[in-house]
Amino acid sequence: MKGHSTTHLENLTRLSRIEGQIKGVKRMIEEGEYCIDIITQIQAARAALQSVNKTILEKHLKHCVADALVAKDPDEIDSKLAEVMTVIKRMEK
């Protein structure tokens, strides 16, 4: 893990919780639980993943993009901004 390991470690903890949620959803399906209850759990897992996604994007902006701006390397700045725009466009879908 390059650089910002504290945030990545925090996200690993959160992802472990999400993994548990997904396993719970699988179990619910296997056991034939009520559909709305399954959907509710899927929505909770999606929201948790989206939260991790936003945290990582914020960290990327504060560090990787900011570092490119400080370095004043036009190619690196363009590259980082293009990456961010690609991610934002994907989030809209």
N, C-alpha and C. Protein backbone atom coordinates (compact mmCIF):
# COMPACT_ATOMS: atom_id res chain seq x y z
N MET A 1 0.85 -1.18 0.00
CA MET A 1 0.00 0.00 0.00
C MET A 1 0.89 1.24 0.00
N LYS A 2 0.86 1.94 -1.10
CA LYS A 2 1.68 3.13 -1.20
C LYS A 2 1.07 4.26 -0.37
N GLY A 3 1.92 4.99 0.30
CA GLY A 3 1.50 6.21 0.93
C GLY A 3 0.53 6.07 2.08
N HIS A 4 -0.65 6.42 1.90
CA HIS A 4 -1.66 6.72 2.89
C HIS A 4 -2.25 5.46 3.53
N SER A 5 -1.42 4.72 4.22
CA SER A 5 -1.83 3.41 4.72
C SER A 5 -2.88 3.48 5.82
N THR A 6 -2.90 4.55 6.61
CA THR A 6 -3.89 4.63 7.68
C THR A 6 -5.29 4.55 7.11
N THR A 7 -5.57 5.35 6.10
CA THR A 7 -6.90 5.33 5.52
C THR A 7 -7.18 3.98 4.87
N HIS A 8 -6.19 3.42 4.19
CA HIS A 8 -6.40 2.12 3.57
C HIS A 8 -6.67 1.05 4.63
N LEU A 9 -5.98 1.12 5.74
CA LEU A 9 -6.22 0.15 6.82
C LEU A 9 -7.63 0.31 7.38
N GLU A 10 -8.06 1.56 7.54
CA GLU A 10 -9.42 1.81 8.01
C GLU A 10 -10.44 1.25 7.01
N ASN A 11 -10.15 1.44 5.74
CA ASN A 11 -11.06 0.93 4.71
C ASN A 11 -11.07 -0.59 4.68
N LEU A 12 -9.94 -1.22 4.97
CA LEU A 12 -9.93 -2.68 5.03
C LEU A 12 -10.86 -3.19 6.12
N THR A 13 -10.87 -2.50 7.24
CA THR A 13 -11.78 -2.87 8.33
C THR A 13 -13.23 -2.73 7.87
N ARG A 14 -13.52 -1.62 7.22
CA ARG A 14 -14.88 -1.39 6.73
C ARG A 14 -15.26 -2.42 5.67
N LEU A 15 -14.31 -2.76 4.81
CA LEU A 15 -14.58 -3.76 3.77
C LEU A 15 -14.81 -5.14 4.38
N SER A 16 -14.15 -5.44 5.47
CA SER A 16 -14.39 -6.72 6.15
C SER A 16 -15.83 -6.78 6.67
N ARG A 17 -16.31 -5.65 7.18
CA ARG A 17 -17.71 -5.59 7.64
C ARG A 17 -18.66 -5.79 6.47
N ILE A 18 -18.34 -5.14 5.34
CA ILE A 18 -19.17 -5.27 4.14
C ILE A 18 -19.17 -6.71 3.64
N GLU A 19 -18.01 -7.33 3.70
CA GLU A 19 -17.91 -8.74 3.32
C GLU A 19 -18.86 -9.59 4.17
N GLY A 20 -18.91 -9.28 5.45
CA GLY A 20 -19.84 -9.98 6.34
C GLY A 20 -21.29 -9.74 5.94
N GLN A 21 -21.59 -8.51 5.53
CA GLN A 21 -22.94 -8.20 5.07
C GLN A 21 -23.29 -9.03 3.84
N ILE A 22 -22.35 -9.11 2.90
CA ILE A 22 -22.59 -9.86 1.66
C ILE A 22 -22.81 -11.34 1.98
N LYS A 23 -22.00 -11.88 2.87
CA LYS A 23 -22.19 -13.27 3.28
C LYS A 23 -23.56 -13.46 3.92
N GLY A 24 -23.99 -12.45 4.68
CA GLY A 24 -25.32 -12.50 5.27
C GLY A 24 -26.42 -12.50 4.22
N VAL A 25 -26.23 -11.71 3.17
CA VAL A 25 -27.21 -11.68 2.08
C VAL A 25 -27.26 -13.05 1.40
N LYS A 26 -26.10 -13.63 1.15
CA LYS A 26 -26.05 -14.95 0.53
C LYS A 26 -26.80 -15.97 1.39
N ARG A 27 -26.56 -15.92 2.69
CA ARG A 27 -27.23 -16.83 3.61
C ARG A 27 -28.74 -16.61 3.56
N MET A 28 -29.15 -15.35 3.54
CA MET A 28 -30.58 -15.03 3.48
C MET A 28 -31.22 -15.63 2.23
N ILE A 29 -30.52 -15.53 1.11
CA ILE A 29 -31.05 -16.08 -0.13
C ILE A 29 -31.12 -17.60 -0.04
N GLU A 30 -30.05 -18.20 0.46
CA GLU A 30 -30.01 -19.66 0.61
C GLU A 30 -31.15 -20.16 1.50
N GLU A 31 -31.49 -19.39 2.51
CA GLU A 31 -32.52 -19.79 3.46
C GLU A 31 -33.92 -19.34 3.07
N GLY A 32 -34.01 -18.67 1.90
CA GLY A 32 -35.32 -18.26 1.40
C GLY A 32 -35.98 -17.17 2.19
N GLU A 33 -35.19 -16.27 2.75
CA GLU A 33 -35.74 -15.16 3.54
C GLU A 33 -36.64 -14.26 2.67
N TYR A 34 -37.38 -13.43 3.31
CA TYR A 34 -38.31 -12.51 2.67
C TYR A 34 -37.55 -11.55 1.75
N CYS A 35 -38.04 -11.41 0.52
CA CYS A 35 -37.33 -10.64 -0.52
C CYS A 35 -37.01 -9.20 -0.10
N ILE A 36 -37.96 -8.54 0.52
CA ILE A 36 -37.74 -7.15 0.92
C ILE A 36 -36.62 -7.06 1.95
N ASP A 37 -36.53 -8.02 2.84
CA ASP A 37 -35.44 -8.03 3.82
C ASP A 37 -34.09 -8.21 3.12
N ILE A 38 -34.06 -9.06 2.10
CA ILE A 38 -32.81 -9.26 1.33
C ILE A 38 -32.44 -7.97 0.61
N ILE A 39 -33.40 -7.35 -0.04
CA ILE A 39 -33.15 -6.10 -0.76
C ILE A 39 -32.64 -5.03 0.19
N THR A 40 -33.22 -4.95 1.37
CA THR A 40 -32.78 -3.97 2.37
C THR A 40 -31.32 -4.19 2.73
N GLN A 41 -30.92 -5.44 2.90
CA GLN A 41 -29.52 -5.73 3.23
C GLN A 41 -28.59 -5.43 2.06
N ILE A 42 -29.05 -5.70 0.84
CA ILE A 42 -28.24 -5.37 -0.35
C ILE A 42 -28.05 -3.86 -0.43
N GLN A 43 -29.10 -3.10 -0.19
CA GLN A 43 -29.00 -1.65 -0.22
C GLN A 43 -28.04 -1.14 0.85
N ALA A 44 -28.05 -1.75 2.01
CA ALA A 44 -27.13 -1.34 3.07
C ALA A 44 -25.69 -1.62 2.68
N ALA A 45 -25.45 -2.77 2.06
CA ALA A 45 -24.09 -3.10 1.61
C ALA A 45 -23.63 -2.15 0.50
N ARG A 46 -24.52 -1.83 -0.41
CA ARG A 46 -24.18 -0.88 -1.48
C ARG A 46 -23.84 0.49 -0.90
N ALA A 47 -24.61 0.94 0.07
CA ALA A 47 -24.35 2.24 0.70
C ALA A 47 -23.00 2.23 1.41
N ALA A 48 -22.68 1.12 2.06
CA ALA A 48 -21.40 1.01 2.75
C ALA A 48 -20.24 1.03 1.75
N LEU A 49 -20.39 0.33 0.63
CA LEU A 49 -19.36 0.35 -0.41
C LEU A 49 -19.20 1.75 -0.99
N GLN A 50 -20.32 2.43 -1.20
CA GLN A 50 -20.27 3.79 -1.74
C GLN A 50 -19.53 4.72 -0.77
N SER A 51 -19.72 4.51 0.51
CA SER A 51 -19.03 5.32 1.51
C SER A 51 -17.52 5.09 1.45
N VAL A 52 -17.10 3.84 1.31
CA VAL A 52 -15.67 3.53 1.16
C VAL A 52 -15.14 4.17 -0.12
N ASN A 53 -15.91 4.07 -1.17
CA ASN A 53 -15.53 4.65 -2.46
C ASN A 53 -15.28 6.16 -2.32
N LYS A 54 -16.19 6.85 -1.66
CA LYS A 54 -16.05 8.29 -1.48
C LYS A 54 -14.84 8.63 -0.62
N THR A 55 -14.60 7.84 0.41
CA THR A 55 -13.44 8.06 1.28
C THR A 55 -12.13 7.93 0.49
N ILE A 56 -12.05 6.92 -0.35
CA ILE A 56 -10.83 6.71 -1.14
C ILE A 56 -10.68 7.82 -2.17
N LEU A 57 -11.77 8.24 -2.80
CA LEU A 57 -11.70 9.33 -3.77
C LEU A 57 -11.25 10.62 -3.09
N GLU A 58 -11.80 10.90 -1.92
CA GLU A 58 -11.40 12.11 -1.19
C GLU A 58 -9.91 12.08 -0.87
N LYS A 59 -9.43 10.94 -0.41
CA LYS A 59 -8.00 10.80 -0.09
C LYS A 59 -7.15 10.99 -1.34
N HIS A 60 -7.62 10.46 -2.46
CA HIS A 60 -6.90 10.61 -3.73
C HIS A 60 -6.80 12.09 -4.10
N LEU A 61 -7.90 12.81 -3.95
CA LEU A 61 -7.90 14.24 -4.28
C LEU A 61 -6.95 15.01 -3.36
N LYS A 62 -7.01 14.72 -2.07
CA LYS A 62 -6.21 15.45 -1.10
C LYS A 62 -4.72 15.16 -1.19
N HIS A 63 -4.38 13.99 -1.71
CA HIS A 63 -2.96 13.63 -1.73
C HIS A 63 -2.42 13.50 -3.15
N CYS A 64 -2.91 12.57 -3.92
CA CYS A 64 -2.35 12.31 -5.24
C CYS A 64 -2.53 13.50 -6.19
N VAL A 65 -3.76 14.02 -6.24
CA VAL A 65 -4.02 15.16 -7.12
C VAL A 65 -3.31 16.40 -6.58
N ALA A 66 -3.39 16.62 -5.29
CA ALA A 66 -2.72 17.78 -4.69
C ALA A 66 -1.21 17.71 -4.92
N ASP A 67 -0.61 16.52 -4.80
CA ASP A 67 0.83 16.37 -5.06
C ASP A 67 1.17 16.74 -6.49
N ALA A 68 0.32 16.36 -7.43
CA ALA A 68 0.55 16.71 -8.84
C ALA A 68 0.48 18.22 -9.03
N LEU A 69 -0.46 18.87 -8.35
CA LEU A 69 -0.58 20.33 -8.46
C LEU A 69 0.65 21.03 -7.86
N VAL A 70 1.11 20.55 -6.73
CA VAL A 70 2.28 21.14 -6.08
C VAL A 70 3.53 20.97 -6.95
N ALA A 71 3.62 19.81 -7.60
CA ALA A 71 4.78 19.54 -8.46
C ALA A 71 4.75 20.39 -9.73
N LYS A 72 3.60 20.94 -10.05
CA LYS A 72 3.42 21.80 -11.23
C LYS A 72 3.84 21.10 -12.53
N ASP A 73 3.56 19.80 -12.59
CA ASP A 73 3.84 19.01 -13.78
C ASP A 73 2.55 18.93 -14.60
N PRO A 74 2.46 19.69 -15.69
CA PRO A 74 1.21 19.75 -16.45
C PRO A 74 0.70 18.38 -16.91
N ASP A 75 1.60 17.51 -17.33
CA ASP A 75 1.17 16.19 -17.77
C ASP A 75 0.59 15.37 -16.62
N GLU A 76 1.24 15.46 -15.47
CA GLU A 76 0.76 14.72 -14.29
C GLU A 76 -0.58 15.29 -13.81
N ILE A 77 -0.71 16.61 -13.84
CA ILE A 77 -1.97 17.26 -13.46
C ILE A 77 -3.09 16.80 -14.38
N ASP A 78 -2.84 16.85 -15.69
CA ASP A 78 -3.85 16.41 -16.65
C ASP A 78 -4.22 14.95 -16.44
N SER A 79 -3.23 14.13 -16.17
CA SER A 79 -3.46 12.71 -15.95
C SER A 79 -4.34 12.47 -14.72
N LYS A 80 -4.00 13.14 -13.63
CA LYS A 80 -4.77 12.96 -12.38
C LYS A 80 -6.20 13.48 -12.54
N LEU A 81 -6.35 14.62 -13.20
CA LEU A 81 -7.70 15.16 -13.40
C LEU A 81 -8.53 14.25 -14.30
N ALA A 82 -7.91 13.69 -15.33
CA ALA A 82 -8.61 12.75 -16.21
C ALA A 82 -9.07 11.52 -15.44
N GLU A 83 -8.20 11.02 -14.56
CA GLU A 83 -8.57 9.87 -13.73
C GLU A 83 -9.80 10.19 -12.87
N VAL A 84 -9.77 11.35 -12.24
CA VAL A 84 -10.87 11.74 -11.36
C VAL A 84 -12.16 11.89 -12.16
N MET A 85 -12.08 12.52 -13.32
CA MET A 85 -13.28 12.69 -14.14
C MET A 85 -13.85 11.34 -14.58
N THR A 86 -12.99 10.40 -14.92
CA THR A 86 -13.44 9.06 -15.30
C THR A 86 -14.18 8.40 -14.14
N VAL A 87 -13.63 8.52 -12.94
CA VAL A 87 -14.27 7.93 -11.76
C VAL A 87 -15.61 8.60 -11.48
N ILE A 88 -15.66 9.91 -11.57
CA ILE A 88 -16.91 10.64 -11.31
C ILE A 88 -17.98 10.23 -12.32
N LYS A 89 -17.61 10.10 -13.57
CA LYS A 89 -18.57 9.69 -14.59
C LYS A 89 -19.11 8.29 -14.30
N ARG A 90 -18.25 7.40 -13.83
CA ARG A 90 -18.68 6.04 -13.49
C ARG A 90 -19.62 6.06 -12.29
N MET A 91 -19.41 6.96 -11.36
CA MET A 91 -20.24 7.05 -10.16
C MET A 91 -21.65 7.50 -10.51
N GLU A 92 -21.80 8.24 -11.59
CA GLU A 92 -23.11 8.76 -11.99
C GLU A 92 -24.00 7.68 -12.55
N LYS A 93 -23.44 6.57 -12.96
CA LYS A 93 -24.23 5.52 -13.61
C LYS A 93 -24.98 4.70 -12.61
